[in-house]
């Protein structure tokens, strides 16, 4: 987990850009020194490289247990920078054995006689020349090694100071995050936001399913081996997963939230509910737990199992994990289709329905779970669920049109996010739940979700522009 935490592709690209700028300044300094000594320049360049990593990944440290991991990561970066300088840059030993051998091989006597000598004679001549080069360069080599020890001591001292500086920054950041979490009331989980009507519908749908499933279980379970038992369990798991997911879809505020909750609240709720059935034997409980673990972690359960062995033996969790993954793909497609039709509420409207309080308009909280289409219109002709935030969507569209008038806005995502923040356009509130340090569009690390959020608002704005003339008439 520690490796993944400090291996974010987006942050690594930011660090790479910072390092390239430092390298550019290094080349400029070689051409036009700015008054600093060579030693000062080397030390400052390495320290700035370390700071680039430290500053970029500080945003990941939001818990007490991550402070030590952050410090370990920085020390690895510092060691890698010194090692890189020793192998490819200013700290590379000019009097190493390899360098002396190259000097020996390029002397005039060796070059002139190379074709006259046997390989053994050539090697002996080169070794003798290496010793002469070593003897000749010994005074300069001693001076270089003295300099190397001094500069390395300076680098290590400065690095130690920066390690402690960034450790203090990490401690203060964790304290700020802890205070922010303590001062902010806990957000309701997705399951906690379901109205009573949804829970009643789920109970009724489960009872109807069990009426046919339990007799089938009695007829077929423990008859054909664990593979068939796992397939029977799969029917129950997928029914419950789809049932709960579609009810939750009705209270989600965005497709991004729904995608995240499929592997979070929804998966936990379904797994816990199924584990309470007393008639599930230990092998199938293991299939259940392992299958959900595969799904939540995004692991392919068949990855290390040869094709020929997949049907011949029971591989714990593989059948359930694969089925959950396929079901989640279908559910995600439903969510994005709903988003394209403007079927998600705005952030303010999403909290209008209190848990267990039903719909304030007196209508059903949502059609999911009884087989109805979640985007189906009610008797008044309006789509069920709160209306999309057209005003915010139009403001987003205006910013995008200004920054990318040609319509190709994705390469300019960073500029657009900064402009959205300047215009004080609210970002998706779910981002704050995932990353407590997020304070705006430009500060959110998961850029793919930022693209989806902008696409969603552009689609709403597009629909608004189409329907405005009819509404005005």
Protein backbone atom coordinates (compact mmCIF):
# COMPACT_ATOMS: atom_id res chain seq x y z
CA UNK A 1 0.00 0.00 0.00
CA UNK A 2 2.86 2.39 0.79
CA UNK A 3 4.30 1.91 -2.69
CA UNK A 4 0.97 2.69 -4.35
CA UNK A 5 0.42 5.75 -2.15
CA UNK A 6 3.59 7.41 -3.42
CA UNK A 7 3.33 6.20 -7.00
CA UNK A 8 0.60 8.40 -8.44
CA UNK A 9 1.03 8.80 -12.26
CA UNK A 10 -0.37 12.34 -12.31
CA UNK A 11 1.86 13.51 -9.46
CA UNK A 12 4.85 11.77 -11.03
CA UNK A 13 4.27 13.76 -14.23
CA UNK A 14 4.26 16.98 -12.20
CA UNK A 15 7.54 15.95 -10.55
CA UNK A 16 9.03 15.05 -13.92
CA UNK A 17 8.19 18.53 -15.21
CA UNK A 18 9.86 20.13 -12.17
CA UNK A 19 13.00 18.01 -12.62
CA UNK A 20 13.18 18.94 -16.32
CA UNK A 21 13.09 22.63 -15.36
CA UNK A 22 15.95 22.05 -12.91
CA UNK A 23 17.93 20.29 -15.63
CA UNK A 24 17.31 23.19 -17.99
CA UNK A 25 18.61 25.65 -15.36
CA UNK A 26 21.65 23.39 -14.91
CA UNK A 27 22.51 23.70 -18.59
CA UNK A 28 21.96 27.46 -18.47
CA UNK A 29 24.25 27.72 -15.42
CA UNK A 30 27.02 25.85 -17.27
CA UNK A 31 26.85 28.52 -19.98
CA UNK A 32 26.39 31.50 -17.67
CA UNK A 33 27.20 30.97 -13.95
CA UNK A 34 25.10 33.23 -11.73
CA UNK A 35 27.75 34.00 -9.10
CA UNK A 36 27.30 30.83 -7.05
CA UNK A 37 30.17 28.40 -6.66
CA UNK A 38 30.02 25.04 -8.40
CA UNK A 39 29.64 23.30 -5.04
CA UNK A 40 26.72 25.53 -4.04
CA UNK A 41 25.06 24.91 -7.39
CA UNK A 42 25.28 21.10 -7.05
CA UNK A 43 23.89 21.09 -3.52
CA UNK A 44 21.02 23.48 -4.31
CA UNK A 45 20.03 21.54 -7.44
CA UNK A 46 19.82 18.25 -5.53
CA UNK A 47 17.89 19.85 -2.66
CA UNK A 48 15.38 21.39 -5.10
CA UNK A 49 14.91 17.97 -6.70
CA UNK A 50 14.14 16.47 -3.29
CA UNK A 51 11.74 19.33 -2.50
CA UNK A 52 9.91 18.75 -5.80
CA UNK A 53 9.07 15.19 -4.69
CA UNK A 54 8.25 16.22 -1.12
CA UNK A 55 5.93 19.07 -2.06
CA UNK A 56 4.09 17.05 -4.71
CA UNK A 57 3.32 14.09 -2.42
CA UNK A 58 2.58 16.06 0.76
CA UNK A 59 -1.09 16.11 -0.30
CA UNK A 60 -1.23 12.33 0.22
CA UNK A 61 -0.39 12.58 3.92
CA UNK A 62 -3.73 12.99 5.70
CA UNK A 63 -3.39 10.43 8.51
CA UNK A 64 -0.98 9.93 11.40
CA UNK A 65 0.22 6.54 10.15
CA UNK A 66 1.30 8.03 6.79
CA UNK A 67 3.84 10.46 8.28
CA UNK A 68 6.47 7.73 8.72
CA UNK A 69 5.83 6.33 5.25
CA UNK A 70 6.20 9.82 3.80
CA UNK A 71 9.55 10.23 5.57
CA UNK A 72 10.77 6.84 4.31
CA UNK A 73 9.73 7.78 0.77
CA UNK A 74 11.70 11.06 0.91
CA UNK A 75 14.82 9.29 2.19
CA UNK A 76 14.60 6.83 -0.70
CA UNK A 77 14.29 9.76 -3.11
CA UNK A 78 17.32 11.46 -1.55
CA UNK A 79 19.42 8.30 -1.79
CA UNK A 80 18.34 7.80 -5.40
CA UNK A 81 19.32 11.38 -6.29
CA UNK A 82 22.81 10.96 -4.84
CA UNK A 83 23.20 7.60 -6.57
CA UNK A 84 22.12 9.11 -9.88
CA UNK A 85 24.60 12.01 -9.49
CA UNK A 86 27.38 9.49 -8.74
CA UNK A 87 26.58 7.39 -11.80
CA UNK A 88 25.61 9.98 -14.43
CA UNK A 89 26.27 13.51 -13.25
CA UNK A 90 28.56 15.85 -11.31
CA UNK A 91 29.55 13.31 -8.64
CA UNK A 92 30.77 10.70 -11.08
CA UNK A 93 34.35 9.65 -10.23
CA UNK A 94 36.69 10.86 -13.03
CA UNK A 95 39.45 8.54 -11.75
CA UNK A 96 37.45 5.32 -11.50
CA UNK A 97 38.82 2.09 -12.93
CA UNK A 98 36.61 2.41 -16.02
CA UNK A 99 37.76 5.97 -16.66
CA UNK A 100 41.45 5.02 -16.26
CA UNK A 101 41.01 2.10 -18.65
CA UNK A 102 39.45 4.37 -21.28
CA UNK A 103 42.34 6.79 -20.85
CA UNK A 104 44.81 3.93 -21.28
CA UNK A 105 43.08 2.53 -24.38
CA UNK A 106 43.14 5.97 -26.03
CA UNK A 107 46.85 6.63 -25.57
CA UNK A 108 48.87 6.86 -28.77
CA UNK A 109 51.12 3.87 -28.05
CA UNK A 110 48.18 1.54 -27.47
CA UNK A 111 46.24 2.73 -30.51
CA UNK A 112 49.26 2.38 -32.83
CA UNK A 113 50.20 -1.12 -31.68
CA UNK A 114 46.71 -2.55 -31.16
CA UNK A 115 46.63 -4.54 -34.41
CA UNK A 116 50.13 -5.95 -33.84
CA UNK A 117 49.34 -7.46 -30.44
CA UNK A 118 47.59 -10.67 -29.50
CA UNK A 119 44.59 -10.27 -27.16
CA UNK A 120 46.75 -11.38 -24.22
CA UNK A 121 49.52 -8.93 -25.11
CA UNK A 122 47.00 -6.14 -25.66
CA UNK A 123 45.42 -6.73 -22.24
CA UNK A 124 48.83 -6.72 -20.57
CA UNK A 125 49.77 -3.46 -22.30
CA UNK A 126 46.49 -1.84 -21.30
CA UNK A 127 46.90 -2.91 -17.65
CA UNK A 128 50.41 -1.48 -17.60
CA UNK A 129 49.15 1.78 -19.10
CA UNK A 130 46.31 1.90 -16.53
CA UNK A 131 48.87 1.71 -13.71
CA UNK A 132 50.92 4.50 -15.32
CA UNK A 133 47.75 6.64 -15.62
CA UNK A 134 46.85 5.89 -12.01
CA UNK A 135 50.31 6.84 -10.81
CA UNK A 136 50.33 10.02 -12.89
CA UNK A 137 46.84 11.14 -11.77
CA UNK A 138 47.20 10.12 -8.11
CA UNK A 139 47.58 13.70 -6.74
CA UNK A 140 44.52 14.92 -8.66
CA UNK A 141 42.54 11.81 -7.68
CA UNK A 142 43.28 12.45 -4.00
CA UNK A 143 42.11 16.06 -4.35
CA UNK A 144 38.92 14.91 -6.09
CA UNK A 145 38.12 12.34 -3.42
CA UNK A 146 38.65 14.93 -0.68
CA UNK A 147 36.28 17.25 -2.53
CA UNK A 148 33.80 14.42 -3.02
CA UNK A 149 33.71 13.61 0.71
CA UNK A 150 33.19 17.29 1.57
CA UNK A 151 30.41 17.85 -0.97
CA UNK A 152 28.69 14.57 -0.03
CA UNK A 153 28.73 15.63 3.61
CA UNK A 154 27.14 18.97 2.66
CA UNK A 155 24.46 17.21 0.59
CA UNK A 156 23.61 14.74 3.35
CA UNK A 157 23.42 17.54 5.92
CA UNK A 158 21.10 19.61 3.73
CA UNK A 159 19.00 16.55 2.94
CA UNK A 160 18.63 15.75 6.64
CA UNK A 161 17.45 19.31 7.24
CA UNK A 162 14.87 18.97 4.45
CA UNK A 163 13.70 15.57 5.74
CA UNK A 164 12.94 17.16 9.09
CA UNK A 165 11.33 20.21 7.50
CA UNK A 166 8.94 18.08 5.46
CA UNK A 167 8.24 15.81 8.44
CA UNK A 168 7.12 18.93 10.33
CA UNK A 169 4.98 19.97 7.34
CA UNK A 170 3.39 16.51 7.28
CA UNK A 171 2.64 16.61 11.03
CA UNK A 172 0.99 20.04 10.73
CA UNK A 173 -1.01 18.92 7.71
CA UNK A 174 -2.32 15.84 9.52
CA UNK A 175 -3.30 18.06 12.47
CA UNK A 176 -5.18 20.43 10.16
CA UNK A 177 -6.95 17.53 8.47
CA UNK A 178 -7.89 16.01 11.83
CA UNK A 179 -9.35 19.31 13.04
CA UNK A 180 -11.26 19.72 9.79
CA UNK A 181 -12.72 16.22 10.08
CA UNK A 182 -13.61 16.79 13.74
CA UNK A 183 -15.34 20.10 13.03
CA UNK A 184 -17.33 18.76 10.10
CA UNK A 185 -20.32 16.53 10.84
CA UNK A 186 -19.99 13.02 9.49
CA UNK A 187 -21.53 12.54 6.07
CA UNK A 188 -24.19 9.92 5.75
CA UNK A 189 -23.12 6.82 3.91
CA UNK A 190 -24.83 6.03 0.64
CA UNK A 191 -26.87 3.26 2.30
CA UNK A 192 -27.81 5.70 5.08
CA UNK A 193 -29.30 8.04 2.48
CA UNK A 194 -31.75 5.43 1.21
CA UNK A 195 -35.36 6.30 2.11
CA UNK A 196 -37.61 3.86 3.97
CA UNK A 197 -39.54 3.12 0.79
CA UNK A 198 -36.35 1.83 -0.84
CA UNK A 199 -35.64 -0.51 2.06
CA UNK A 200 -39.20 -1.83 1.91
CA UNK A 201 -38.91 -2.41 -1.84
CA UNK A 202 -35.65 -4.30 -1.38
CA UNK A 203 -37.15 -6.53 1.31
CA UNK A 204 -40.13 -7.32 -0.91
CA UNK A 205 -37.95 -8.04 -3.96
CA UNK A 206 -35.66 -10.27 -1.88
CA UNK A 207 -38.62 -12.23 -0.49
CA UNK A 208 -40.03 -12.77 -3.98
CA UNK A 209 -36.64 -13.97 -5.25
CA UNK A 210 -36.15 -16.32 -2.31
CA UNK A 211 -39.53 -17.92 -2.93
CA UNK A 212 -38.12 -19.51 -6.06
CA UNK A 213 -34.46 -19.65 -5.11
CA UNK A 214 -34.65 -21.66 -1.87
CA UNK A 215 -36.51 -24.66 -3.41
CA UNK A 216 -33.92 -24.70 -6.20
CA UNK A 217 -31.18 -24.62 -3.59
CA UNK A 218 -32.67 -27.59 -1.77
CA UNK A 219 -32.86 -29.57 -5.02
CA UNK A 220 -29.38 -28.83 -6.37
CA UNK A 221 -27.04 -27.83 -3.53
CA UNK A 222 -24.38 -30.30 -2.34
CA UNK A 223 -25.12 -32.61 -5.27
CA UNK A 224 -22.64 -31.78 -8.03
CA UNK A 225 -19.64 -30.41 -6.18
CA UNK A 226 -18.42 -26.96 -5.10
CA UNK A 227 -18.35 -25.46 -8.61
CA UNK A 228 -22.10 -25.83 -9.01
CA UNK A 229 -22.66 -24.65 -5.44
CA UNK A 230 -20.63 -21.52 -6.23
CA UNK A 231 -22.76 -20.97 -9.35
CA UNK A 232 -25.91 -21.22 -7.22
CA UNK A 233 -24.45 -18.69 -4.81
CA UNK A 234 -23.64 -16.44 -7.76
CA UNK A 235 -27.36 -16.15 -8.63
CA UNK A 236 -28.14 -14.86 -5.15
CA UNK A 237 -25.16 -12.50 -5.02
CA UNK A 238 -25.87 -10.84 -8.37
CA UNK A 239 -29.59 -10.50 -7.65
CA UNK A 240 -28.90 -8.71 -4.37
CA UNK A 241 -26.06 -6.64 -5.82
CA UNK A 242 -28.18 -5.37 -8.72
CA UNK A 243 -31.13 -4.78 -6.42
CA UNK A 244 -29.21 -2.66 -3.92
CA UNK A 245 -27.16 -0.88 -6.59
CA UNK A 246 -30.22 0.29 -8.53
CA UNK A 247 -31.85 1.62 -5.38
CA UNK A 248 -28.63 3.46 -4.53
CA UNK A 249 -28.46 4.85 -8.06
CA UNK A 250 -31.67 6.75 -7.31
CA UNK A 251 -30.01 8.72 -4.48
CA UNK A 252 -26.51 9.21 -5.97
CA UNK A 253 -25.63 12.74 -7.00
CA UNK A 254 -23.37 11.78 -9.92
CA UNK A 255 -22.21 8.78 -11.96
CA UNK A 256 -18.73 9.22 -10.44
CA UNK A 257 -20.15 8.75 -6.95
CA UNK A 258 -22.09 5.66 -8.07
CA UNK A 259 -18.98 4.10 -9.65
CA UNK A 260 -17.00 4.60 -6.44
CA UNK A 261 -19.77 3.29 -4.18
CA UNK A 262 -20.20 0.08 -6.20
CA UNK A 263 -16.90 -1.14 -4.74
CA UNK A 264 -17.46 0.58 -1.40
CA UNK A 265 -20.75 1.02 0.48
CA UNK A 266 -22.84 -1.09 -1.90
CA UNK A 267 -20.40 -4.03 -1.91
CA UNK A 268 -20.03 -3.94 1.90
CA UNK A 269 -23.79 -3.78 2.45
CA UNK A 270 -24.55 -6.68 0.11
CA UNK A 271 -21.72 -8.87 1.41
CA UNK A 272 -22.73 -8.33 5.02
CA UNK A 273 -26.40 -9.05 4.31
CA UNK A 274 -25.63 -12.30 2.50
CA UNK A 275 -23.22 -13.48 5.19
CA UNK A 276 -26.09 -13.44 7.72
CA UNK A 277 -27.95 -16.32 6.05
CA UNK A 278 -27.52 -19.28 8.45
CA UNK A 279 -27.83 -21.89 5.71
CA UNK A 280 -24.62 -20.74 3.96
CA UNK A 281 -21.98 -23.38 4.75
CA UNK A 282 -18.34 -22.53 5.44
CA UNK A 283 -17.08 -23.21 1.87
CA UNK A 284 -19.66 -20.86 0.36
CA UNK A 285 -18.97 -18.20 3.00
CA UNK A 286 -15.35 -18.39 1.90
CA UNK A 287 -16.45 -18.10 -1.76
CA UNK A 288 -18.55 -15.07 -0.82
CA UNK A 289 -15.82 -13.25 1.11
CA UNK A 290 -13.07 -14.00 -1.39
CA UNK A 291 -15.24 -13.06 -4.37
CA UNK A 292 -16.10 -9.68 -2.86
CA UNK A 293 -12.42 -9.14 -1.97
CA UNK A 294 -11.45 -9.74 -5.61
CA UNK A 295 -14.14 -7.32 -6.75
CA UNK A 296 -13.40 -4.52 -4.27
CA UNK A 297 -9.66 -4.63 -5.01
CA UNK A 298 -10.23 -4.77 -8.78
CA UNK A 299 -8.32 -8.05 -9.13
CA UNK A 300 -8.90 -10.48 -12.01
CA UNK A 301 -9.62 -13.77 -10.17
CA UNK A 302 -8.59 -15.84 -13.18
CA UNK A 303 -5.29 -14.05 -13.80
CA UNK A 304 -2.96 -16.79 -12.59
CA UNK A 305 -5.17 -19.78 -13.40
CA UNK A 306 -4.49 -21.56 -16.73
CA UNK A 307 -7.44 -21.69 -19.11
CA UNK A 308 -7.47 -25.50 -19.03
CA UNK A 309 -7.80 -25.57 -15.22
CA UNK A 310 -10.63 -23.07 -14.84
CA UNK A 311 -13.51 -25.47 -15.31
CA UNK A 312 -11.90 -28.54 -13.78
CA UNK A 313 -11.60 -27.37 -10.16
CA UNK A 314 -13.19 -24.92 -7.77
CA UNK A 315 -11.09 -21.76 -7.48
CA UNK A 316 -12.30 -19.95 -4.37
CA UNK A 317 -13.90 -16.58 -5.12
CA UNK A 318 -13.31 -16.64 -8.87
CA UNK A 319 -16.92 -17.29 -9.92
CA UNK A 320 -18.37 -14.65 -7.58
CA UNK A 321 -15.64 -12.08 -8.24
CA UNK A 322 -16.00 -12.35 -12.01
CA UNK A 323 -19.80 -12.09 -11.84
CA UNK A 324 -19.63 -8.96 -9.65
CA UNK A 325 -17.21 -7.31 -12.07
CA UNK A 326 -19.50 -7.95 -15.04
CA UNK A 327 -22.55 -6.76 -13.11
CA UNK A 328 -20.73 -3.56 -12.12
CA UNK A 329 -19.90 -2.83 -15.77
CA UNK A 330 -23.59 -3.01 -16.71
CA UNK A 331 -24.56 -0.83 -13.75
CA UNK A 332 -21.94 1.78 -14.62
CA UNK A 333 -23.31 1.93 -18.16
CA UNK A 334 -26.80 2.53 -16.74
CA UNK A 335 -25.46 5.34 -14.55
CA UNK A 336 -23.77 7.16 -17.41
CA UNK A 337 -26.81 6.70 -19.64
CA UNK A 338 -28.87 8.28 -16.89
CA UNK A 339 -26.37 11.14 -16.57
CA UNK A 340 -26.62 11.83 -20.30
CA UNK A 341 -30.37 12.22 -19.89
CA UNK A 342 -29.96 14.65 -16.96
CA UNK A 343 -31.20 12.14 -14.41
CA UNK A 344 -28.87 13.11 -11.53
CA UNK A 345 -29.69 15.79 -8.95
CA UNK A 346 -27.60 18.86 -8.17
CA UNK A 347 -25.54 18.83 -4.94
CA UNK A 348 -28.12 20.93 -3.07
CA UNK A 349 -31.07 18.91 -4.29
CA UNK A 350 -29.32 15.62 -3.51
CA UNK A 351 -29.71 16.27 0.21
CA UNK A 352 -33.39 17.22 -0.03
CA UNK A 353 -34.58 13.71 0.78
CA UNK A 354 -33.81 12.81 4.38
CA UNK A 355 -32.94 9.19 5.18
CA UNK A 356 -36.14 7.36 5.93
CA UNK A 357 -38.15 10.47 5.12
CA UNK A 358 -39.32 9.58 1.65
CA UNK A 359 -39.57 12.02 -1.24
CA UNK A 360 -40.63 15.52 -0.19
CA UNK A 361 -42.95 15.71 -3.16
CA UNK A 362 -44.85 12.68 -1.95
CA UNK A 363 -43.82 10.48 -4.87
CA UNK A 364 -41.84 7.26 -4.69
CA UNK A 365 -38.16 7.74 -3.89
CA UNK A 366 -37.14 5.89 -7.06
CA UNK A 367 -38.18 3.08 -9.35
CA UNK A 368 -35.05 0.95 -8.94
CA UNK A 369 -35.61 -2.45 -7.47
CA UNK A 370 -39.04 -3.05 -9.01
CA UNK A 371 -37.75 -3.30 -12.56
CA UNK A 372 -38.79 0.18 -13.72
CA UNK A 373 -36.53 2.42 -15.75
CA UNK A 374 -34.93 5.02 -13.44
CA UNK A 375 -35.25 7.66 -16.17
CA UNK A 376 -38.91 6.90 -16.87
CA UNK A 377 -41.19 9.95 -16.68
CA UNK A 378 -43.99 10.15 -14.16
CA UNK A 379 -47.59 11.09 -14.87
CA UNK A 380 -46.75 14.80 -15.07
CA UNK A 381 -44.29 14.24 -17.91
CA UNK A 382 -41.24 15.20 -15.82
CA UNK A 383 -38.41 12.72 -15.28
CA UNK A 384 -38.27 11.34 -11.78
CA UNK A 385 -35.66 12.77 -9.42
CA UNK A 386 -34.56 16.36 -8.81
CA UNK A 387 -33.79 18.57 -11.80
CA UNK A 388 -30.17 18.98 -12.98
CA UNK A 389 -28.35 22.22 -12.09
CA UNK A 390 -28.64 23.93 -15.47
CA UNK A 391 -27.27 27.24 -14.22
CA UNK A 392 -23.96 25.73 -13.07
CA UNK A 393 -23.76 23.64 -16.24
CA UNK A 394 -24.17 26.74 -18.42
CA UNK A 395 -21.45 28.55 -16.46
CA UNK A 396 -19.10 25.59 -16.98
CA UNK A 397 -19.92 25.61 -20.70
CA UNK A 398 -19.10 29.34 -20.90
CA UNK A 399 -15.69 28.81 -19.28
CA UNK A 400 -14.89 25.86 -21.57
CA UNK A 401 -15.92 27.85 -24.66
CA UNK A 402 -13.71 30.75 -23.58
CA UNK A 403 -10.62 28.62 -22.89
CA UNK A 404 -11.09 26.22 -25.84
CA UNK A 405 -13.19 27.96 -28.52
CA UNK A 406 -12.36 25.19 -31.01
CA UNK A 407 -14.09 22.61 -28.77
CA UNK A 408 -10.89 20.61 -28.12
CA UNK A 409 -10.81 21.33 -24.39
CA UNK A 410 -9.31 18.17 -22.89
CA UNK A 411 -5.65 19.13 -23.60
CA UNK A 412 -6.39 22.39 -21.76
CA UNK A 413 -7.91 20.71 -18.71
CA UNK A 414 -5.58 22.40 -16.19
CA UNK A 415 -6.35 25.88 -17.56
CA UNK A 416 -10.08 25.13 -17.52
CA UNK A 417 -9.99 23.88 -13.93
CA UNK A 418 -8.16 27.02 -12.82
CA UNK A 419 -10.71 29.18 -14.66
CA UNK A 420 -13.60 27.31 -13.03
CA UNK A 421 -12.06 28.02 -9.62
CA UNK A 422 -11.57 31.69 -10.48
CA UNK A 423 -15.22 31.89 -11.49
CA UNK A 424 -16.13 30.26 -8.13
CA UNK A 425 -18.06 27.49 -9.85
CA UNK A 426 -18.68 24.71 -7.29
CA UNK A 427 -16.84 21.44 -7.83
CA UNK A 428 -18.52 18.04 -7.20
CA UNK A 429 -18.92 17.71 -3.41
CA UNK A 430 -18.03 14.02 -3.56
CA UNK A 431 -14.45 15.00 -4.36
CA UNK A 432 -14.10 16.46 -0.90
CA UNK A 433 -15.14 13.13 0.63
CA UNK A 434 -12.48 11.27 -1.32
CA UNK A 435 -9.71 13.84 -0.78
CA UNK A 436 -10.05 16.12 2.25
CA UNK A 437 -7.32 18.40 0.89
CA UNK A 438 -9.34 19.15 -2.25
CA UNK A 439 -10.48 22.77 -2.34
CA UNK A 440 -11.36 23.23 -5.99
CA UNK A 441 -11.32 21.94 -9.54
CA UNK A 442 -7.58 22.46 -9.99
CA UNK A 443 -6.69 20.76 -6.70
CA UNK A 444 -8.34 17.40 -7.45
CA UNK A 445 -5.78 14.70 -8.24
CA UNK A 446 -7.99 12.29 -10.23
CA UNK A 447 -8.02 14.14 -13.54
CA UNK A 448 -10.06 11.44 -15.30
CA UNK A 449 -12.96 12.17 -12.92
CA UNK A 450 -12.54 15.90 -13.57
CA UNK A 451 -12.95 15.22 -17.30
CA UNK A 452 -16.10 13.17 -16.65
CA UNK A 453 -17.54 15.90 -14.39
CA UNK A 454 -16.99 18.57 -17.05
CA UNK A 455 -18.40 16.31 -19.79
CA UNK A 456 -21.50 15.73 -17.67
CA UNK A 457 -22.08 19.46 -17.16
CA UNK A 458 -21.47 20.23 -20.83
CA UNK A 459 -24.11 17.66 -21.75
CA UNK A 460 -26.62 19.26 -19.36
CA UNK A 461 -25.83 22.68 -20.80
CA UNK A 462 -26.31 21.33 -24.32
CA UNK A 463 -29.72 19.89 -23.42
CA UNK A 464 -30.70 23.16 -21.75
CA UNK A 465 -29.88 25.15 -24.87
CA UNK A 466 -32.00 22.76 -26.96
CA UNK A 467 -35.04 22.96 -24.68
CA UNK A 468 -34.92 26.69 -23.85
CA UNK A 469 -36.88 27.90 -26.96
CA UNK A 470 -39.69 25.41 -26.29
CA UNK A 471 -39.84 26.43 -22.63
CA UNK A 472 -40.02 30.11 -23.47
CA UNK A 473 -42.80 29.58 -25.99
